[in-house]
């Protein structure tokens, strides 16, 4: 047997990975409340495949009412890392992405 080059996918959030079936709020593009359907890995990072519960009209026109979308933790309100002033914690993300590479 040869050595594996498998690397554990990186989860870029201090919060745990939401379970399949959990409701999250997708902030990016105002997609809104969505249900976690499953997970995906892209470029070594773990993300969520979610189905919007009430997608915006532009999303329905572009993708269809029942189409899921791929998001990363930084795009999900409950998973975002923020400072005390509510702004994104860029230092956290910079460090996490530097460490992951």
PDB file of N, CA and C in Angstrom:
ATOM      1  N   UNK A   1       0.845  -1.166   0.000  1.00  0.00           N
ATOM      2  CA  UNK A   1       0.000   0.000   0.000  1.00  0.00           C
ATOM      3  C   UNK A   1       0.897   1.239   0.000  1.00  0.00           C
ATOM      4  N   UNK A   2       0.491   2.258  -0.752  1.00  0.00           N
ATOM      5  CA  UNK A   2       1.290   3.484  -0.816  1.00  0.00           C
ATOM      6  C   UNK A   2       0.766   4.507   0.188  1.00  0.00           C
ATOM      7  N   UNK A   3       1.602   5.466   0.497  1.00  0.00           N
ATOM      8  CA  UNK A   3       1.185   6.541   1.388  1.00  0.00           C
ATOM      9  C   UNK A   3       0.109   7.384   0.716  1.00  0.00           C
ATOM     10  N   UNK A   4      -0.862   7.778   1.488  1.00  0.00           N
ATOM     11  CA  UNK A   4      -1.952   8.599   0.982  1.00  0.00           C
ATOM     12  C   UNK A   4      -1.564  10.074   1.047  1.00  0.00           C
ATOM     13  N   UNK A   5      -2.051  10.836   0.084  1.00  0.00           N
ATOM     14  CA  UNK A   5      -1.832  12.280   0.108  1.00  0.00           C
ATOM     15  C   UNK A   5      -3.089  12.992   0.594  1.00  0.00           C
ATOM     16  N   UNK A   6      -3.988  12.227   1.196  1.00  0.00           N
ATOM     17  CA  UNK A   6      -5.239  12.805   1.698  1.00  0.00           C
ATOM     18  C   UNK A   6      -4.947  13.819   2.798  1.00  0.00           C
ATOM     19  N   UNK A   7      -5.606  14.957   2.698  1.00  0.00           N
ATOM     20  CA  UNK A   7      -5.518  15.980   3.748  1.00  0.00           C
ATOM     21  C   UNK A   7      -6.938  16.294   4.206  1.00  0.00           C
ATOM     22  N   UNK A   8      -7.125  16.363   5.509  1.00  0.00           N
ATOM     23  CA  UNK A   8      -8.444  16.686   6.070  1.00  0.00           C
ATOM     24  C   UNK A   8      -8.896  18.050   5.536  1.00  0.00           C
ATOM     25  N   UNK A   9     -10.133  18.148   5.031  1.00  0.00           N
ATOM     26  CA  UNK A   9     -10.624  19.451   4.560  1.00  0.00           C
ATOM     27  C   UNK A   9     -10.612  20.479   5.685  1.00  0.00           C
ATOM     28  N   UNK A  10     -10.319  21.713   5.362  1.00  0.00           N
ATOM     29  CA  UNK A  10     -10.260  22.791   6.342  1.00  0.00           C
ATOM     30  C   UNK A  10     -11.644  23.415   6.521  1.00  0.00           C
ATOM     31  N   UNK A  11     -12.066  23.547   7.762  1.00  0.00           N
ATOM     32  CA  UNK A  11     -13.327  24.210   8.105  1.00  0.00           C
ATOM     33  C   UNK A  11     -12.951  25.566   8.680  1.00  0.00           C
ATOM     34  N   UNK A  12     -13.278  26.629   7.976  1.00  0.00           N
ATOM     35  CA  UNK A  12     -12.827  27.968   8.364  1.00  0.00           C
ATOM     36  C   UNK A  12     -13.919  28.670   9.181  1.00  0.00           C
ATOM     37  N   UNK A  13     -14.085  28.207  10.396  1.00  0.00           N
ATOM     38  CA  UNK A  13     -14.981  28.813  11.370  1.00  0.00           C
ATOM     39  C   UNK A  13     -14.638  28.229  12.733  1.00  0.00           C
ATOM     40  N   UNK A  14     -14.819  29.008  13.779  1.00  0.00           N
ATOM     41  CA  UNK A  14     -14.633  28.491  15.142  1.00  0.00           C
ATOM     42  C   UNK A  14     -15.846  27.675  15.576  1.00  0.00           C
ATOM     43  N   UNK A  15     -16.942  27.837  14.878  1.00  0.00           N
ATOM     44  CA  UNK A  15     -18.168  27.113  15.207  1.00  0.00           C
ATOM     45  C   UNK A  15     -18.178  25.770  14.496  1.00  0.00           C
ATOM     46  N   UNK A  16     -18.913  24.836  15.041  1.00  0.00           N
ATOM     47  CA  UNK A  16     -18.959  23.497  14.463  1.00  0.00           C
ATOM     48  C   UNK A  16     -19.667  23.445  13.125  1.00  0.00           C
ATOM     49  N   UNK A  17     -19.452  22.372  12.413  1.00  0.00           N
ATOM     50  CA  UNK A  17     -20.105  22.142  11.120  1.00  0.00           C
ATOM     51  C   UNK A  17     -21.586  21.861  11.378  1.00  0.00           C
ATOM     52  N   UNK A  18     -22.489  22.609  10.737  1.00  0.00           N
ATOM     53  CA  UNK A  18     -23.916  22.358  10.941  1.00  0.00           C
ATOM     54  C   UNK A  18     -24.308  20.974  10.425  1.00  0.00           C
ATOM     55  N   UNK A  19     -25.245  20.367  11.077  1.00  0.00           N
ATOM     56  CA  UNK A  19     -25.730  19.045  10.672  1.00  0.00           C
ATOM     57  C   UNK A  19     -26.611  19.150   9.429  1.00  0.00           C
ATOM     58  N   UNK A  20     -26.666  18.061   8.680  1.00  0.00           N
ATOM     59  CA  UNK A  20     -27.611  17.981   7.566  1.00  0.00           C
ATOM     60  C   UNK A  20     -29.007  18.173   8.151  1.00  0.00           C
ATOM     61  N   UNK A  21     -29.804  19.015   7.522  1.00  0.00           N
ATOM     62  CA  UNK A  21     -31.143  19.318   7.987  1.00  0.00           C
ATOM     63  C   UNK A  21     -31.229  20.581   8.829  1.00  0.00           C
ATOM     64  N   UNK A  22     -30.089  21.095   9.271  1.00  0.00           N
ATOM     65  CA  UNK A  22     -30.082  22.320  10.079  1.00  0.00           C
ATOM     66  C   UNK A  22     -30.373  23.532   9.191  1.00  0.00           C
ATOM     67  N   UNK A  23     -31.008  24.540   9.776  1.00  0.00           N
ATOM     68  CA  UNK A  23     -31.312  25.788   9.061  1.00  0.00           C
ATOM     69  C   UNK A  23     -30.201  26.794   9.354  1.00  0.00           C
ATOM     70  N   UNK A  24     -29.677  27.421   8.289  1.00  0.00           N
ATOM     71  CA  UNK A  24     -28.668  28.471   8.409  1.00  0.00           C
ATOM     72  C   UNK A  24     -29.130  29.673   7.595  1.00  0.00           C
ATOM     73  N   UNK A  25     -28.514  30.829   7.844  1.00  0.00           N
ATOM     74  CA  UNK A  25     -28.864  32.049   7.118  1.00  0.00           C
ATOM     75  C   UNK A  25     -27.717  32.425   6.196  1.00  0.00           C
ATOM     76  N   UNK A  26     -27.941  32.304   4.887  1.00  0.00           N
ATOM     77  CA  UNK A  26     -26.917  32.633   3.896  1.00  0.00           C
ATOM     78  C   UNK A  26     -26.995  34.133   3.624  1.00  0.00           C
ATOM     79  N   UNK A  27     -25.936  34.848   4.034  1.00  0.00           N
ATOM     80  CA  UNK A  27     -25.890  36.301   3.893  1.00  0.00           C
ATOM     81  C   UNK A  27     -25.532  36.730   2.477  1.00  0.00           C
ATOM     82  N   UNK A  28     -24.654  35.985   1.836  1.00  0.00           N
ATOM     83  CA  UNK A  28     -24.184  36.386   0.511  1.00  0.00           C
ATOM     84  C   UNK A  28     -25.360  36.445  -0.466  1.00  0.00           C
ATOM     85  N   UNK A  29     -25.426  37.508  -1.218  1.00  0.00           N
ATOM     86  CA  UNK A  29     -26.468  37.722  -2.226  1.00  0.00           C
ATOM     87  C   UNK A  29     -27.887  37.676  -1.650  1.00  0.00           C
ATOM     88  N   UNK A  30     -28.009  37.897  -0.338  1.00  0.00           N
ATOM     89  CA  UNK A  30     -29.320  37.917   0.329  1.00  0.00           C
ATOM     90  C   UNK A  30     -30.138  36.650   0.073  1.00  0.00           C
ATOM     91  N   UNK A  31     -29.464  35.514   0.041  1.00  0.00           N
ATOM     92  CA  UNK A  31     -30.160  34.250  -0.237  1.00  0.00           C
ATOM     93  C   UNK A  31     -31.078  33.866   0.918  1.00  0.00           C
ATOM     94  N   UNK A  32     -30.676  34.143   2.158  1.00  0.00           N
ATOM     95  CA  UNK A  32     -31.571  33.942   3.292  1.00  0.00           C
ATOM     96  C   UNK A  32     -31.528  32.559   3.902  1.00  0.00           C
ATOM     97  N   UNK A  33     -32.573  32.257   4.667  1.00  0.00           N
ATOM     98  CA  UNK A  33     -32.621  30.992   5.399  1.00  0.00           C
ATOM     99  C   UNK A  33     -32.596  29.815   4.425  1.00  0.00           C
ATOM    100  N   UNK A  34     -31.742  28.851   4.761  1.00  0.00           N
ATOM    101  CA  UNK A  34     -31.531  27.704   3.882  1.00  0.00           C
ATOM    102  C   UNK A  34     -31.315  26.460   4.731  1.00  0.00           C
ATOM    103  N   UNK A  35     -31.626  25.317   4.168  1.00  0.00           N
ATOM    104  CA  UNK A  35     -31.444  24.047   4.873  1.00  0.00           C
ATOM    105  C   UNK A  35     -30.175  23.360   4.357  1.00  0.00           C
ATOM    106  N   UNK A  36     -29.359  22.881   5.273  1.00  0.00           N
ATOM    107  CA  UNK A  36     -28.134  22.171   4.897  1.00  0.00           C
ATOM    108  C   UNK A  36     -28.527  20.809   4.335  1.00  0.00           C
ATOM    109  N   UNK A  37     -28.108  20.536   3.092  1.00  0.00           N
ATOM    110  CA  UNK A  37     -28.415  19.260   2.443  1.00  0.00           C
ATOM    111  C   UNK A  37     -27.251  18.285   2.517  1.00  0.00           C
ATOM    112  N   UNK A  38     -26.054  18.799   2.298  1.00  0.00           N
ATOM    113  CA  UNK A  38     -24.852  17.975   2.368  1.00  0.00           C
ATOM    114  C   UNK A  38     -23.633  18.881   2.324  1.00  0.00           C
ATOM    115  N   UNK A  39     -22.466  18.289   2.190  1.00  0.00           N
ATOM    116  CA  UNK A  39     -21.208  19.024   2.233  1.00  0.00           C
ATOM    117  C   UNK A  39     -20.441  18.828   0.928  1.00  0.00           C
ATOM    118  N   UNK A  40     -19.471  19.700   0.710  1.00  0.00           N
ATOM    119  CA  UNK A  40     -18.590  19.550  -0.442  1.00  0.00           C
ATOM    120  C   UNK A  40     -17.196  20.025  -0.043  1.00  0.00           C
ATOM    121  N   UNK A  41     -16.218  19.619  -0.810  1.00  0.00           N
ATOM    122  CA  UNK A  41     -14.843  20.072  -0.606  1.00  0.00           C
ATOM    123  C   UNK A  41     -14.369  20.693  -1.909  1.00  0.00           C
ATOM    124  N   UNK A  42     -13.829  21.898  -1.809  1.00  0.00           N
ATOM    125  CA  UNK A  42     -13.253  22.573  -2.977  1.00  0.00           C
ATOM    126  C   UNK A  42     -11.932  23.188  -2.563  1.00  0.00           C
ATOM    127  N   UNK A  43     -10.884  22.839  -3.302  1.00  0.00           N
ATOM    128  CA  UNK A  43      -9.534  23.336  -3.031  1.00  0.00           C
ATOM    129  C   UNK A  43      -9.125  23.113  -1.573  1.00  0.00           C
ATOM    130  N   UNK A  44      -9.565  21.997  -0.991  1.00  0.00           N
ATOM    131  CA  UNK A  44      -9.178  21.643   0.362  1.00  0.00           C
ATOM    132  C   UNK A  44     -10.018  22.264   1.464  1.00  0.00           C
ATOM    133  N   UNK A  45     -11.077  23.010   1.110  1.00  0.00           N
ATOM    134  CA  UNK A  45     -11.926  23.658   2.100  1.00  0.00           C
ATOM    135  C   UNK A  45     -13.305  23.015   2.114  1.00  0.00           C
ATOM    136  N   UNK A  46     -13.834  22.789   3.311  1.00  0.00           N
ATOM    137  CA  UNK A  46     -15.156  22.201   3.479  1.00  0.00           C
ATOM    138  C   UNK A  46     -16.221  23.288   3.375  1.00  0.00           C
ATOM    139  N   UNK A  47     -17.258  23.012   2.605  1.00  0.00           N
ATOM    140  CA  UNK A  47     -18.365  23.936   2.449  1.00  0.00           C
ATOM    141  C   UNK A  47     -19.687  23.218   2.591  1.00  0.00           C
ATOM    142  N   UNK A  48     -20.758  23.967   2.478  1.00  0.00           N
ATOM    143  CA  UNK A  48     -22.110  23.436   2.629  1.00  0.00           C
ATOM    144  C   UNK A  48     -22.884  23.545   1.325  1.00  0.00           C
ATOM    145  N   UNK A  49     -23.638  22.508   1.000  1.00  0.00           N
ATOM    146  CA  UNK A  49     -24.607  22.591  -0.084  1.00  0.00           C
ATOM    147  C   UNK A  49     -25.947  22.823   0.604  1.00  0.00           C
ATOM    148  N   UNK A  50     -26.551  23.974   0.335  1.00  0.00           N
ATOM    149  CA  UNK A  50     -27.787  24.360   1.027  1.00  0.00           C
ATOM    150  C   UNK A  50     -28.892  24.633   0.013  1.00  0.00           C
ATOM    151  N   UNK A  51     -30.130  24.439   0.474  1.00  0.00           N
ATOM    152  CA  UNK A  51     -31.293  24.740  -0.361  1.00  0.00           C
ATOM    153  C   UNK A  51     -32.027  25.921   0.262  1.00  0.00           C
ATOM    154  N   UNK A  52     -32.070  27.054  -0.441  1.00  0.00           N
ATOM    155  CA  UNK A  52     -32.795  28.219   0.085  1.00  0.00           C
ATOM    156  C   UNK A  52     -34.272  27.892   0.303  1.00  0.00           C
ATOM    157  N   UNK A  53     -34.803  28.340   1.439  1.00  0.00           N
ATOM    158  CA  UNK A  53     -36.211  28.084   1.759  1.00  0.00           C
ATOM    159  C   UNK A  53     -37.147  29.054   1.049  1.00  0.00           C
ATOM    160  N   UNK A  54     -36.698  30.293   0.861  1.00  0.00           N
ATOM    161  CA  UNK A  54     -37.494  31.312   0.177  1.00  0.00           C
ATOM    162  C   UNK A  54     -36.521  32.193  -0.618  1.00  0.00           C
ATOM    163  N   UNK A  55     -35.962  31.632  -1.702  1.00  0.00           N
ATOM    164  CA  UNK A  55     -34.913  32.366  -2.423  1.00  0.00           C
ATOM    165  C   UNK A  55     -35.424  33.655  -3.053  1.00  0.00           C
ATOM    166  N   UNK A  56     -34.516  34.642  -3.204  1.00  0.00           N
ATOM    167  CA  UNK A  56     -34.908  35.891  -3.880  1.00  0.00           C
ATOM    168  C   UNK A  56     -35.338  35.611  -5.322  1.00  0.00           C
ATOM    169  N   UNK A  57     -36.123  36.508  -5.883  1.00  0.00           N
ATOM    170  CA  UNK A  57     -36.648  36.302  -7.244  1.00  0.00           C
ATOM    171  C   UNK A  57     -35.532  36.167  -8.272  1.00  0.00           C
ATOM    172  N   UNK A  58     -34.448  36.936  -8.127  1.00  0.00           N
ATOM    173  CA  UNK A  58     -33.336  36.818  -9.082  1.00  0.00           C
ATOM    174  C   UNK A  58     -32.764  35.397  -9.044  1.00  0.00           C
ATOM    175  N   UNK A  59     -32.698  34.785  -7.842  1.00  0.00           N
ATOM    176  CA  UNK A  59     -32.143  33.444  -7.692  1.00  0.00           C
ATOM    177  C   UNK A  59     -33.031  32.423  -8.408  1.00  0.00           C
ATOM    178  N   UNK A  60     -34.341  32.571  -8.241  1.00  0.00           N
ATOM    179  CA  UNK A  60     -35.292  31.664  -8.892  1.00  0.00           C
ATOM    180  C   UNK A  60     -35.178  31.781 -10.402  1.00  0.00           C
ATOM    181  N   UNK A  61     -35.096  33.008 -10.920  1.00  0.00           N
ATOM    182  CA  UNK A  61     -34.966  33.211 -12.374  1.00  0.00           C
ATOM    183  C   UNK A  61     -33.663  32.606 -12.898  1.00  0.00           C
ATOM    184  N   UNK A  62     -32.599  32.777 -12.150  1.00  0.00           N
ATOM    185  CA  UNK A  62     -31.280  32.327 -12.607  1.00  0.00           C
ATOM    186  C   UNK A  62     -31.071  30.826 -12.428  1.00  0.00           C
ATOM    187  N   UNK A  63     -31.592  30.262 -11.321  1.00  0.00           N
ATOM    188  CA  UNK A  63     -31.271  28.876 -10.980  1.00  0.00           C
ATOM    189  C   UNK A  63     -32.459  27.932 -10.911  1.00  0.00           C
ATOM    190  N   UNK A  64     -33.650  28.474 -10.697  1.00  0.00           N
ATOM    191  CA  UNK A  64     -34.825  27.644 -10.450  1.00  0.00           C
ATOM    192  C   UNK A  64     -35.160  27.675  -8.965  1.00  0.00           C
ATOM    193  N   UNK A  65     -36.415  27.482  -8.646  1.00  0.00           N
ATOM    194  CA  UNK A  65     -36.885  27.599  -7.264  1.00  0.00           C
ATOM    195  C   UNK A  65     -36.351  26.501  -6.352  1.00  0.00           C
ATOM    196  N   UNK A  66     -36.031  25.350  -6.894  1.00  0.00           N
ATOM    197  CA  UNK A  66     -35.611  24.213  -6.072  1.00  0.00           C
ATOM    198  C   UNK A  66     -34.117  23.928  -6.132  1.00  0.00           C
ATOM    199  N   UNK A  67     -33.357  24.844  -6.706  1.00  0.00           N
ATOM    200  CA  UNK A  67     -31.918  24.601  -6.889  1.00  0.00           C
ATOM    201  C   UNK A  67     -31.129  24.957  -5.629  1.00  0.00           C
ATOM    202  N   UNK A  68     -30.205  24.089  -5.272  1.00  0.00           N
ATOM    203  CA  UNK A  68     -29.325  24.311  -4.114  1.00  0.00           C
ATOM    204  C   UNK A  68     -28.134  25.160  -4.522  1.00  0.00           C
ATOM    205  N   UNK A  69     -27.397  25.653  -3.511  1.00  0.00           N
ATOM    206  CA  UNK A  69     -26.199  26.432  -3.798  1.00  0.00           C
ATOM    207  C   UNK A  69     -25.081  26.054  -2.833  1.00  0.00           C
ATOM    208  N   UNK A  70     -23.871  26.317  -3.261  1.00  0.00           N
ATOM    209  CA  UNK A  70     -22.674  26.031  -2.482  1.00  0.00           C
ATOM    210  C   UNK A  70     -22.250  27.284  -1.715  1.00  0.00           C
ATOM    211  N   UNK A  71     -21.982  27.127  -0.416  1.00  0.00           N
ATOM    212  CA  UNK A  71     -21.519  28.254   0.391  1.00  0.00           C
ATOM    213  C   UNK A  71     -20.421  27.786   1.345  1.00  0.00           C
ATOM    214  N   UNK A  72     -19.607  28.737   1.748  1.00  0.00           N
ATOM    215  CA  UNK A  72     -18.571  28.506   2.748  1.00  0.00           C
ATOM    216  C   UNK A  72     -18.983  29.206   4.041  1.00  0.00           C
ATOM    217  N   UNK A  73     -18.365  28.856   5.175  1.00  0.00           N
ATOM    218  CA  UNK A  73     -18.762  29.432   6.457  1.00  0.00           C
ATOM    219  C   UNK A  73     -18.804  30.958   6.480  1.00  0.00           C
ATOM    220  N   UNK A  74     -17.901  31.620   5.817  1.00  0.00           N
ATOM    221  CA  UNK A  74     -17.871  33.086   5.831  1.00  0.00           C
ATOM    222  C   UNK A  74     -19.114  33.695   5.191  1.00  0.00           C
ATOM    223  N   UNK A  75     -19.876  32.899   4.442  1.00  0.00           N
ATOM    224  CA  UNK A  75     -21.076  33.385   3.772  1.00  0.00           C
ATOM    225  C   UNK A  75     -22.355  33.084   4.559  1.00  0.00           C
ATOM    226  N   UNK A  76     -22.187  32.442   5.718  1.00  0.00           N
ATOM    227  CA  UNK A  76     -23.321  32.024   6.550  1.00  0.00           C
ATOM    228  C   UNK A  76     -23.293  32.817   7.855  1.00  0.00           C
ATOM    229  N   UNK A  77     -24.376  33.523   8.137  1.00  0.00           N
ATOM    230  CA  UNK A  77     -24.418  34.416   9.302  1.00  0.00           C
ATOM    231  C   UNK A  77     -23.996  33.722  10.592  1.00  0.00           C
ATOM    232  N   UNK A  78     -24.520  32.564  10.859  1.00  0.00           N
ATOM    233  CA  UNK A  78     -24.234  31.871  12.113  1.00  0.00           C
ATOM    234  C   UNK A  78     -22.798  31.363  12.213  1.00  0.00           C
ATOM    235  N   UNK A  79     -22.093  31.301  11.111  1.00  0.00           N
ATOM    236  CA  UNK A  79     -20.735  30.751  11.092  1.00  0.00           C
ATOM    237  C   UNK A  79     -19.657  31.809  10.906  1.00  0.00           C
ATOM    238  N   UNK A  80     -20.058  33.035  10.599  1.00  0.00           N
ATOM    239  CA  UNK A  80     -19.095  34.106  10.349  1.00  0.00           C
ATOM    240  C   UNK A  80     -18.324  34.451  11.618  1.00  0.00           C
ATOM    241  N   UNK A  81     -17.074  34.777  11.430  1.00  0.00           N
ATOM    242  CA  UNK A  81     -16.240  35.242  12.533  1.00  0.00           C
ATOM    243  C   UNK A  81     -16.259  36.763  12.521  1.00  0.00           C
ATOM    244  N   UNK A  82     -16.690  37.361  13.635  1.00  0.00           N
ATOM    245  CA  UNK A  82     -16.816  38.809  13.722  1.00  0.00           C
ATOM    246  C   UNK A  82     -16.128  39.323  14.971  1.00  0.00           C
ATOM    247  N   UNK A  83     -15.710  40.561  14.886  1.00  0.00           N
ATOM    248  CA  UNK A  83     -15.126  41.248  16.043  1.00  0.00           C
ATOM    249  C   UNK A  83     -16.250  41.810  16.900  1.00  0.00           C
ATOM    250  N   UNK A  84     -15.900  42.388  18.038  1.00  0.00           N
ATOM    251  CA  UNK A  84     -16.876  42.979  18.941  1.00  0.00           C
ATOM    252  C   UNK A  84     -17.716  44.072  18.309  1.00  0.00           C
ATOM    253  N   UNK A  85     -17.170  44.757  17.292  1.00  0.00           N
ATOM    254  CA  UNK A  85     -17.913  45.837  16.634  1.00  0.00           C
ATOM    255  C   UNK A  85     -18.833  45.316  15.524  1.00  0.00           C
ATOM    256  N   UNK A  86     -18.857  43.982  15.341  1.00  0.00           N
ATOM    257  CA  UNK A  86     -19.730  43.380  14.331  1.00  0.00           C
ATOM    258  C   UNK A  86     -19.110  43.255  12.953  1.00  0.00           C
ATOM    259  N   UNK A  87     -17.917  43.805  12.772  1.00  0.00           N
ATOM    260  CA  UNK A  87     -17.258  43.720  11.467  1.00  0.00           C
ATOM    261  C   UNK A  87     -16.563  42.373  11.324  1.00  0.00           C
ATOM    262  N   UNK A  88     -16.403  41.897  10.065  1.00  0.00           N
ATOM    263  CA  UNK A  88     -15.720  40.623   9.865  1.00  0.00           C
ATOM    264  C   UNK A  88     -14.325  40.626  10.501  1.00  0.00           C
ATOM    265  N   UNK A  89     -13.955  39.509  11.085  1.00  0.00           N
ATOM    266  CA  UNK A  89     -12.650  39.358  11.728  1.00  0.00           C
ATOM    267  C   UNK A  89     -11.627  38.949  10.667  1.00  0.00           C
ATOM    268  N   UNK A  90     -11.110  39.933   9.954  1.00  0.00           N
ATOM    269  CA  UNK A  90     -10.191  39.671   8.842  1.00  0.00           C
ATOM    270  C   UNK A  90      -8.928  38.971   9.321  1.00  0.00           C
ATOM    271  N   UNK A  91      -8.474  39.286  10.517  1.00  0.00           N
ATOM    272  CA  UNK A  91      -7.273  38.636  11.060  1.00  0.00           C
ATOM    273  C   UNK A  91      -7.499  37.136  11.200  1.00  0.00           C
ATOM    274  N   UNK A  92      -8.690  36.741  11.686  1.00  0.00           N
ATOM    275  CA  UNK A  92      -9.013  35.320  11.801  1.00  0.00           C
ATOM    276  C   UNK A  92      -8.937  34.648  10.432  1.00  0.00           C
ATOM    277  N   UNK A  93      -9.593  35.254   9.434  1.00  0.00           N
ATOM    278  CA  UNK A  93      -9.625  34.649   8.101  1.00  0.00           C
ATOM    279  C   UNK A  93      -8.247  34.624   7.468  1.00  0.00           C
ATOM    280  N   UNK A  94      -7.488  35.696   7.598  1.00  0.00           N
ATOM    281  CA  UNK A  94      -6.134  35.728   7.036  1.00  0.00           C
ATOM    282  C   UNK A  94      -5.274  34.631   7.651  1.00  0.00           C
ATOM    283  N   UNK A  95      -5.344  34.492   8.970  1.00  0.00           N
ATOM    284  CA  UNK A  95      -4.545  33.458   9.658  1.00  0.00           C
ATOM    285  C   UNK A  95      -5.019  32.061   9.248  1.00  0.00           C
ATOM    286  N   UNK A  96      -6.326  31.848   9.220  1.00  0.00           N
ATOM    287  CA  UNK A  96      -6.859  30.534   8.857  1.00  0.00           C
ATOM    288  C   UNK A  96      -6.466  30.136   7.439  1.00  0.00           C
ATOM    289  N   UNK A  97      -6.542  31.075   6.519  1.00  0.00           N
ATOM    290  CA  UNK A  97      -6.208  30.769   5.125  1.00  0.00           C
ATOM    291  C   UNK A  97      -4.720  30.582   4.942  1.00  0.00           C
ATOM    292  N   UNK A  98      -3.901  31.315   5.683  1.00  0.00           N
ATOM    293  CA  UNK A  98      -2.449  31.165   5.608  1.00  0.00           C
ATOM    294  C   UNK A  98      -2.032  29.810   6.171  1.00  0.00           C
ATOM    295  N   UNK A  99      -2.644  29.419   7.288  1.00  0.00           N
ATOM    296  CA  UNK A  99      -2.337  28.147   7.932  1.00  0.00           C
ATOM    297  C   UNK A  99      -2.772  26.976   7.056  1.00  0.00           C
ATOM    298  N   UNK A 100      -3.882  27.138   6.347  1.00  0.00           N
ATOM    299  CA  UNK A 100      -4.419  26.059   5.522  1.00  0.00           C
ATOM    300  C   UNK A 100      -3.604  25.786   4.283  1.00  0.00           C
ATOM    301  N   UNK A 101      -2.836  26.775   3.801  1.00  0.00           N
ATOM    302  CA  UNK A 101      -2.098  26.573   2.548  1.00  0.00           C
ATOM    303  C   UNK A 101      -0.821  25.807   2.728  1.00  0.00           C
TER     304      UNK A 101
END
